[in-house]
Amino acid sequence: MLIVHPQDLLTHRELTLMSGLYCSPVRQTPIKESKMAGNQEKTAMKKRKWDAQTKAMVVLQGLKGKPVAEICQEHQINQNLYYKWRDQFLANMDQVFVDKEKITEKLNSENKHLRKIIGDLTVELKKTEEWLK
């Protein structure tokens, strides 16, 4: 039978430092440690970029009733970021019901009107140039 004394056990931090990566107990994302001139300097990971689909999925989980703290821990995001995404989501949700065909038709109509104005101005400019000669 093997007897292990508590003082012989390595802590989680000691084990991760031996491997070269340290995981913060709160954040759970690795931070590289490097030695420069005898000092230990920590460099944080690169900022993550989230696509719109993932953001919407995270926000919908919260709107369906899942606790925000649990969502944020699962996706490793700050609660402030979740609430920022939620506010953006709620502010722009009316755009889902906008008829894109009507918008396209309106823009085409406006485009046609502006082209007619440009054509009229071009003809007027040519007449003025001929009159000045």
Protein backbone atom coordinates (compact mmCIF):
# COMPACT_ATOMS: atom_id res chain seq x y z
CA MET A 1 0.00 0.00 0.00
CA LEU A 2 1.31 3.43 -1.01
CA ILE A 3 1.00 6.23 1.53
CA VAL A 4 1.07 9.78 0.19
CA HIS A 5 1.47 12.71 2.56
CA PRO A 6 -0.31 15.99 1.70
CA GLN A 7 2.97 17.94 1.75
CA ASP A 8 4.32 15.65 -1.02
CA LEU A 9 1.51 16.58 -3.45
CA LEU A 10 2.10 19.32 -5.99
CA THR A 11 -0.48 22.04 -6.34
CA HIS A 12 -2.32 22.64 -9.60
CA ARG A 13 -0.28 25.82 -10.13
CA GLU A 14 3.03 23.98 -9.60
CA LEU A 15 2.04 21.26 -12.08
CA THR A 16 0.98 23.75 -14.73
CA LEU A 17 4.09 25.88 -14.20
CA MET A 18 6.21 22.78 -14.76
CA SER A 19 4.42 22.23 -18.09
CA GLY A 20 5.06 25.86 -19.13
CA LEU A 21 1.43 26.97 -19.12
CA TYR A 22 -0.51 28.51 -16.28
CA CYS A 23 -4.29 28.34 -16.23
CA SER A 24 -5.96 30.93 -14.07
CA PRO A 25 -8.56 29.26 -11.84
CA VAL A 26 -11.10 31.94 -12.80
CA ARG A 27 -10.40 32.32 -16.50
CA GLN A 28 -9.28 28.76 -17.38
CA THR A 29 -7.35 29.94 -20.44
CA PRO A 30 -3.61 29.43 -20.68
CA ILE A 31 -1.18 32.30 -20.21
CA LYS A 32 2.37 31.70 -21.42
CA GLU A 33 5.12 32.48 -18.98
CA SER A 34 8.55 33.47 -20.22
CA LYS A 35 11.68 34.43 -18.33
CA MET A 36 13.27 37.72 -19.32
CA ALA A 37 16.23 39.08 -17.35
CA GLY A 38 15.29 36.98 -14.35
CA ASN A 39 11.72 38.32 -14.21
CA GLN A 40 8.65 36.30 -15.04
CA GLU A 41 6.54 38.19 -17.54
CA LYS A 42 3.05 36.99 -18.48
CA THR A 43 1.71 37.61 -21.96
CA ALA A 44 -2.05 37.29 -22.46
CA MET A 45 -3.58 35.37 -25.33
CA LYS A 46 -4.75 37.12 -28.49
CA LYS A 47 -8.19 38.69 -28.46
CA ARG A 48 -10.78 36.28 -29.83
CA LYS A 49 -13.11 37.26 -32.65
CA TRP A 50 -16.67 35.99 -32.53
CA ASP A 51 -18.82 35.50 -35.62
CA ALA A 52 -22.40 36.78 -35.67
CA GLN A 53 -23.92 33.30 -35.55
CA THR A 54 -22.07 32.39 -32.35
CA LYS A 55 -22.98 35.69 -30.72
CA ALA A 56 -26.65 35.14 -31.55
CA MET A 57 -26.53 31.59 -30.18
CA VAL A 58 -25.00 32.81 -26.90
CA VAL A 59 -27.60 35.58 -26.53
CA LEU A 60 -30.49 33.24 -27.36
CA GLN A 61 -29.35 30.85 -24.63
CA GLY A 62 -29.71 33.69 -22.14
CA LEU A 63 -33.07 34.80 -23.52
CA LYS A 64 -34.35 31.22 -23.19
CA GLY A 65 -33.65 31.35 -19.46
CA LYS A 66 -30.22 29.79 -18.99
CA PRO A 67 -28.29 31.62 -16.22
CA VAL A 68 -25.97 34.28 -17.63
CA ALA A 69 -23.11 33.30 -15.33
CA GLU A 70 -23.28 29.73 -16.63
CA ILE A 71 -23.33 30.87 -20.27
CA CYS A 72 -20.38 33.19 -19.74
CA GLN A 73 -18.36 30.52 -17.98
CA GLU A 74 -19.15 27.98 -20.71
CA HIS A 75 -18.03 30.32 -23.51
CA GLN A 76 -15.30 32.00 -21.43
CA ILE A 77 -16.63 35.51 -21.89
CA ASN A 78 -17.19 38.38 -19.49
CA GLN A 79 -20.78 39.09 -18.42
CA ASN A 80 -20.40 42.68 -19.66
CA LEU A 81 -19.68 41.31 -23.14
CA TYR A 82 -22.78 39.10 -22.97
CA TYR A 83 -24.98 42.08 -22.03
CA LYS A 84 -23.41 44.19 -24.81
CA TRP A 85 -24.23 41.45 -27.34
CA ARG A 86 -27.75 41.10 -25.93
CA ASP A 87 -28.40 44.83 -26.25
CA GLN A 88 -27.13 44.85 -29.86
CA PHE A 89 -29.27 41.79 -30.63
CA LEU A 90 -32.42 43.33 -29.18
CA ALA A 91 -31.79 46.71 -30.84
CA ASN A 92 -31.44 45.14 -34.30
CA MET A 93 -33.99 42.33 -34.13
CA ASP A 94 -36.57 44.32 -36.12
CA GLN A 95 -34.34 44.03 -39.21
CA VAL A 96 -35.26 40.34 -39.44
CA PHE A 97 -38.76 41.28 -40.61
CA VAL A 98 -37.75 43.92 -43.18
CA ASP A 99 -38.76 42.98 -46.72
CA LYS A 100 -35.54 43.05 -48.71
CA GLU A 101 -37.39 43.11 -52.07
CA LYS A 102 -39.10 46.38 -51.18
CA ILE A 103 -35.79 47.92 -50.15
CA THR A 104 -34.16 46.75 -53.41
CA GLU A 105 -37.08 48.11 -55.46
CA LYS A 106 -36.89 51.47 -53.67
CA LEU A 107 -33.12 51.71 -54.22
CA ASN A 108 -33.48 50.81 -57.92
CA SER A 109 -36.16 53.50 -58.32
CA GLU A 110 -33.94 56.09 -56.62
CA ASN A 111 -30.99 54.99 -58.75
CA LYS A 112 -33.04 55.42 -61.95
CA HIS A 113 -34.15 58.91 -60.83
CA LEU A 114 -30.55 59.97 -60.10
CA ARG A 115 -29.34 58.66 -63.47
CA LYS A 116 -32.03 60.73 -65.21
CA ILE A 117 -30.88 63.84 -63.32
CA ILE A 118 -27.24 63.15 -64.29
CA GLY A 119 -28.27 62.69 -67.93
CA ASP A 120 -30.21 65.97 -67.95
CA LEU A 121 -27.27 67.82 -66.37
CA THR A 122 -24.84 66.31 -68.90
CA VAL A 123 -27.01 67.47 -71.83
CA GLU A 124 -27.32 70.95 -70.30
CA LEU A 125 -23.53 71.10 -69.79
CA LYS A 126 -22.88 70.19 -73.44
CA LYS A 127 -25.33 72.87 -74.65
CA THR A 128 -23.61 75.45 -72.45
CA GLU A 129 -20.18 74.46 -73.80
CA GLU A 130 -21.42 74.79 -77.40
CA TRP A 131 -22.97 78.20 -76.66
CA LEU A 132 -19.67 79.45 -75.14
CA LYS A 133 -17.64 78.49 -78.23
